[in-house]
C-alpha atoms as a PDB file:
ATOM      1  CA  MET A   1      -2.716   4.998  -1.337  1.00  0.00           C
ATOM      2  CA  ASP A   2      -2.157   5.161  -4.746  1.00  0.00           C
ATOM      3  CA  LEU A   3      -1.522   3.380  -7.941  1.00  0.00           C
ATOM      4  CA  ARG A   4       1.904   3.228  -7.319  1.00  0.00           C
ATOM      5  CA  GLN A   5       1.634   1.881  -3.927  1.00  0.00           C
ATOM      6  CA  LEU A   6      -0.842  -0.350  -4.449  1.00  0.00           C
ATOM      7  CA  THR A   7       0.486  -2.505  -6.947  1.00  0.00           C
ATOM      8  CA  ASP A   8       3.713  -2.622  -5.112  1.00  0.00           C
ATOM      9  CA  LYS A   9       1.577  -4.238  -1.310  1.00  0.00           C
ATOM     10  CA  VAL A  10       0.166  -6.253  -3.805  1.00  0.00           C
ATOM     11  CA  GLU A  11       3.370  -8.037  -5.906  1.00  0.00           C
ATOM     12  CA  ALA A  12       4.607  -7.539  -2.786  1.00  0.00           C
ATOM     13  CA  VAL A  13       1.582 -10.820  -1.750  1.00  0.00           C
ATOM     14  CA  SER A  14       1.619 -12.732  -4.978  1.00  0.00           C
ATOM     15  CA  SER A  15       5.825 -12.706  -4.918  1.00  0.00           C
ATOM     16  CA  ALA A  16       5.242 -14.028  -1.200  1.00  0.00           C
ATOM     17  CA  TYR A  17       2.232 -16.769  -2.097  1.00  0.00           C
ATOM     18  CA  ALA A  18       4.617 -18.247  -5.541  1.00  0.00           C
ATOM     19  CA  ARG A  19       7.924 -18.293  -3.805  1.00  0.00           C
ATOM     20  CA  LYS A  20       5.877 -20.379  -0.915  1.00  0.00           C
ATOM     21  CA  HIS A  21       4.112 -22.455  -3.379  1.00  0.00           C
ATOM     22  CA  GLY A  22       6.461 -23.255  -5.906  1.00  0.00           C
ATOM     23  CA  ILE A  23       5.248 -21.083  -8.688  1.00  0.00           C
ATOM     24  CA  THR A  24       7.143 -19.533 -11.471  1.00  0.00           C
ATOM     25  CA  ARG A  25       5.413 -15.713 -12.694  1.00  0.00           C
ATOM     26  CA  ASP A  26       6.545 -15.878 -16.312  1.00  0.00           C
ATOM     27  CA  ASP A  27       4.100 -13.802 -19.028  1.00  0.00           C
ATOM     28  CA  THR A  28       2.001 -16.761 -19.635  1.00  0.00           C
ATOM     29  CA  TRP A  29       1.025 -16.596 -15.677  1.00  0.00           C
ATOM     30  CA  PHE A  30      -0.123 -13.544 -15.238  1.00  0.00           C
ATOM     31  CA  LEU A  31      -1.828 -13.507 -17.998  1.00  0.00           C
ATOM     32  CA  LEU A  32      -3.769 -16.709 -17.542  1.00  0.00           C
ATOM     33  CA  LYS A  33      -4.014 -15.807 -13.894  1.00  0.00           C
ATOM     34  CA  LEU A  34      -6.371 -13.044 -14.856  1.00  0.00           C
ATOM     35  CA  GLN A  35      -8.435 -14.626 -17.622  1.00  0.00           C
ATOM     36  CA  GLU A  36      -9.366 -17.527 -14.328  1.00  0.00           C
ATOM     37  CA  GLU A  37      -9.503 -14.185 -11.845  1.00  0.00           C
ATOM     38  CA  VAL A  38     -12.112 -13.320 -14.336  1.00  0.00           C
ATOM     39  CA  GLY A  39     -13.830 -15.720 -14.807  1.00  0.00           C
ATOM     40  CA  GLU A  40     -14.383 -15.727 -10.945  1.00  0.00           C
ATOM     41  CA  LEU A  41     -15.500 -12.689 -10.994  1.00  0.00           C
ATOM     42  CA  THR A  42     -18.335 -13.469 -13.508  1.00  0.00           C
ATOM     43  CA  GLN A  43     -18.975 -16.659 -11.737  1.00  0.00           C
ATOM     44  CA  ALA A  44     -20.092 -14.055  -8.660  1.00  0.00           C
ATOM     45  CA  PHE A  45     -21.873 -11.715 -10.810  1.00  0.00           C
ATOM     46  CA  LEU A  46     -23.966 -14.579 -12.233  1.00  0.00           C
ATOM     47  CA  MET A  47     -24.256 -15.723  -8.572  1.00  0.00           C
ATOM     48  CA  ARG A  48     -25.156 -12.547  -7.085  1.00  0.00           C
ATOM     49  CA  SER A  49     -27.624 -11.750 -10.368  1.00  0.00           C
ATOM     50  CA  GLY A  50     -29.887 -14.508 -10.014  1.00  0.00           C
ATOM     51  CA  GLN A  51     -28.093 -16.166 -13.121  1.00  0.00           C
ATOM     52  CA  ALA A  52     -26.594 -19.035 -11.868  1.00  0.00           C
ATOM     53  CA  ARG A  53     -27.540 -21.653  -8.639  1.00  0.00           C
ATOM     54  CA  ASP A  54     -25.906 -19.400  -4.940  1.00  0.00           C
ATOM     55  CA  LYS A  55     -24.133 -22.670  -3.725  1.00  0.00           C
ATOM     56  CA  GLY A  56     -26.060 -22.141   0.014  1.00  0.00           C
ATOM     57  CA  CYS A  57     -25.297 -19.095  -0.222  1.00  0.00           C
ATOM     58  CA  SER A  58     -26.986 -15.299   1.430  1.00  0.00           C
ATOM     59  CA  PRO A  59     -27.195 -11.743  -0.230  1.00  0.00           C
ATOM     60  CA  ASP A  60     -24.330 -10.545   2.114  1.00  0.00           C
ATOM     61  CA  GLU A  61     -22.522 -13.761   1.445  1.00  0.00           C
ATOM     62  CA  LEU A  62     -22.897 -12.843  -2.795  1.00  0.00           C
ATOM     63  CA  GLU A  63     -22.325  -9.516  -2.267  1.00  0.00           C
ATOM     64  CA  LEU A  64     -19.355 -10.005  -0.961  1.00  0.00           C
ATOM     65  CA  GLY A  65     -17.636 -11.891  -3.135  1.00  0.00           C
ATOM     66  CA  PHE A  66     -18.237 -10.333  -6.141  1.00  0.00           C
ATOM     67  CA  ARG A  67     -16.313  -7.337  -3.830  1.00  0.00           C
ATOM     68  CA  ALA A  68     -13.465  -9.885  -3.543  1.00  0.00           C
ATOM     69  CA  GLU A  69     -13.751 -11.009  -7.123  1.00  0.00           C
ATOM     70  CA  LEU A  70     -13.627  -7.788  -8.393  1.00  0.00           C
ATOM     71  CA  ALA A  71     -10.609  -6.939  -5.875  1.00  0.00           C
ATOM     72  CA  ASP A  72      -8.952  -9.979  -6.592  1.00  0.00           C
ATOM     73  CA  VAL A  73      -8.901  -9.029 -10.884  1.00  0.00           C
ATOM     74  CA  LEU A  74      -7.800  -5.619 -10.580  1.00  0.00           C
ATOM     75  CA  SER A  75      -4.972  -6.878  -8.184  1.00  0.00           C
ATOM     76  CA  GLN A  76      -3.934  -9.495 -11.049  1.00  0.00           C
ATOM     77  CA  VAL A  77      -4.037  -6.541 -13.905  1.00  0.00           C
ATOM     78  CA  LEU A  78      -1.455  -4.417 -11.378  1.00  0.00           C
ATOM     79  CA  LEU A  79       0.353  -7.969 -11.509  1.00  0.00           C
ATOM     80  CA  MET A  80       0.595  -7.896 -14.980  1.00  0.00           C
ATOM     81  CA  ALA A  81       1.103  -4.453 -15.582  1.00  0.00           C
ATOM     82  CA  GLY A  82       4.206  -4.184 -12.857  1.00  0.00           C
ATOM     83  CA  HIS A  83       5.936  -7.890 -14.774  1.00  0.00           C
ATOM     84  CA  HIS A  84       5.324  -6.399 -18.444  1.00  0.00           C
ATOM     85  CA  GLY A  85       6.676  -2.414 -16.401  1.00  0.00           C
ATOM     86  CA  VAL A  86       2.904  -0.622 -17.742  1.00  0.00           C
ATOM     87  CA  ASP A  87       3.036   2.348 -16.389  1.00  0.00           C
ATOM     88  CA  LEU A  88      -1.166   2.375 -16.148  1.00  0.00           C
ATOM     89  CA  GLU A  89      -1.915   5.512 -14.324  1.00  0.00           C
ATOM     90  CA  ALA A  90       0.198   6.714 -17.463  1.00  0.00           C
ATOM     91  CA  GLU A  91      -1.740   4.308 -20.054  1.00  0.00           C
ATOM     92  CA  VAL A  92      -4.745   5.374 -18.271  1.00  0.00           C
ATOM     93  CA  GLU A  93      -4.381   9.708 -19.035  1.00  0.00           C
ATOM     94  CA  ARG A  94      -3.071   8.655 -22.383  1.00  0.00           C
ATOM     95  CA  LYS A  95      -6.581   6.362 -23.939  1.00  0.00           C
ATOM     96  CA  TRP A  96      -9.197   7.927 -21.281  1.00  0.00           C
ATOM     97  CA  MET A  97      -8.466  11.089 -20.231  1.00  0.00           C
ATOM     98  CA  PRO A  98      -8.209  12.850 -22.964  1.00  0.00           C
ATOM     99  CA  TRP A  99     -12.530  11.518 -23.757  1.00  0.00           C
ATOM    100  CA  HIS A 100     -12.991  13.204 -20.239  1.00  0.00           C
ATOM    101  CA  PRO A 101     -16.200  15.452 -20.199  1.00  0.00           C
ATOM    102  CA  ASP A 102     -13.644  18.797 -19.793  1.00  0.00           C
ATOM    103  CA  ARG A 103     -11.374  18.144 -22.325  1.00  0.00           C
ATOM    104  CA  LEU A 104     -13.727  17.404 -24.607  1.00  0.00           C
ATOM    105  CA  SER A 105     -15.112  20.630 -24.801  1.00  0.00           C
ATOM    106  CA  THR A 106     -12.339  21.353 -26.531  1.00  0.00           C
ATOM    107  CA  ARG A 107     -13.857  20.031 -29.710  1.00  0.00           C
ATOM    108  CA  ASP A 108     -15.278  22.432 -32.188  1.00  0.00           C
ATOM    109  CA  GLU A 109     -18.482  22.685 -33.606  1.00  0.00           C
ATOM    110  CA  SER A 110     -17.611  20.742 -36.231  1.00  0.00           C
ATOM    111  CA  GLY A 111     -17.097  17.614 -33.840  1.00  0.00           C
ATOM    112  CA  THR A 112     -12.822  17.336 -34.744  1.00  0.00           C
ATOM    113  CA  ALA A 113     -10.697  16.780 -32.145  1.00  0.00           C
ATOM    114  CA  GLY A 114      -8.816  20.193 -30.312  1.00  0.00           C
ATOM    115  CA  ALA A 115      -4.763  19.751 -30.363  1.00  0.00           C
ATOM    116  CA  ASP A 116      -5.846  17.883 -26.928  1.00  0.00           C
ATOM    117  CA  LEU A 117      -7.359  14.913 -28.296  1.00  0.00           C
ATOM    118  CA  ASN A 118      -4.978  14.463 -31.573  1.00  0.00           C
ATOM    119  CA  GLY A 119      -4.526  11.406 -31.942  1.00  0.00           C
ATOM    120  CA  ALA A 120      -6.398   9.901 -28.479  1.00  0.00           C
ATOM    121  CA  VAL A 121      -8.081   6.393 -28.993  1.00  0.00           C
ATOM    122  CA  ASP A 122     -11.672   5.666 -28.570  1.00  0.00           C
ATOM    123  CA  PRO A 123     -11.425   4.230 -24.901  1.00  0.00           C
ATOM    124  CA  VAL A 124     -13.836   1.410 -25.516  1.00  0.00           C
END
């Protein structure tokens, strides 16, 4: 499954949930929902790493919770991008892929970027 297919499937789940519960998914909702999920990921990470109470969860449950929260964050990013009409594949290609090690070989000896890197912004 590619990113667009995954986005469509996540959108179907989210929109059905929103209809069922009377939720209006506007610009603010998409941002705040993403923030909520990042907070839950942070909590799961802290629990998994022993830096927060485990609430009686086993190590396997903590691992599953961490993985589930990563999926939630990714899903919310996909939803927000779709809501705003952002092609994430194109944006990752534009922002991150110029820095791929195979492309960095186009730098000359002085360290300046070759043609493929002109205008690229360091991703991190």
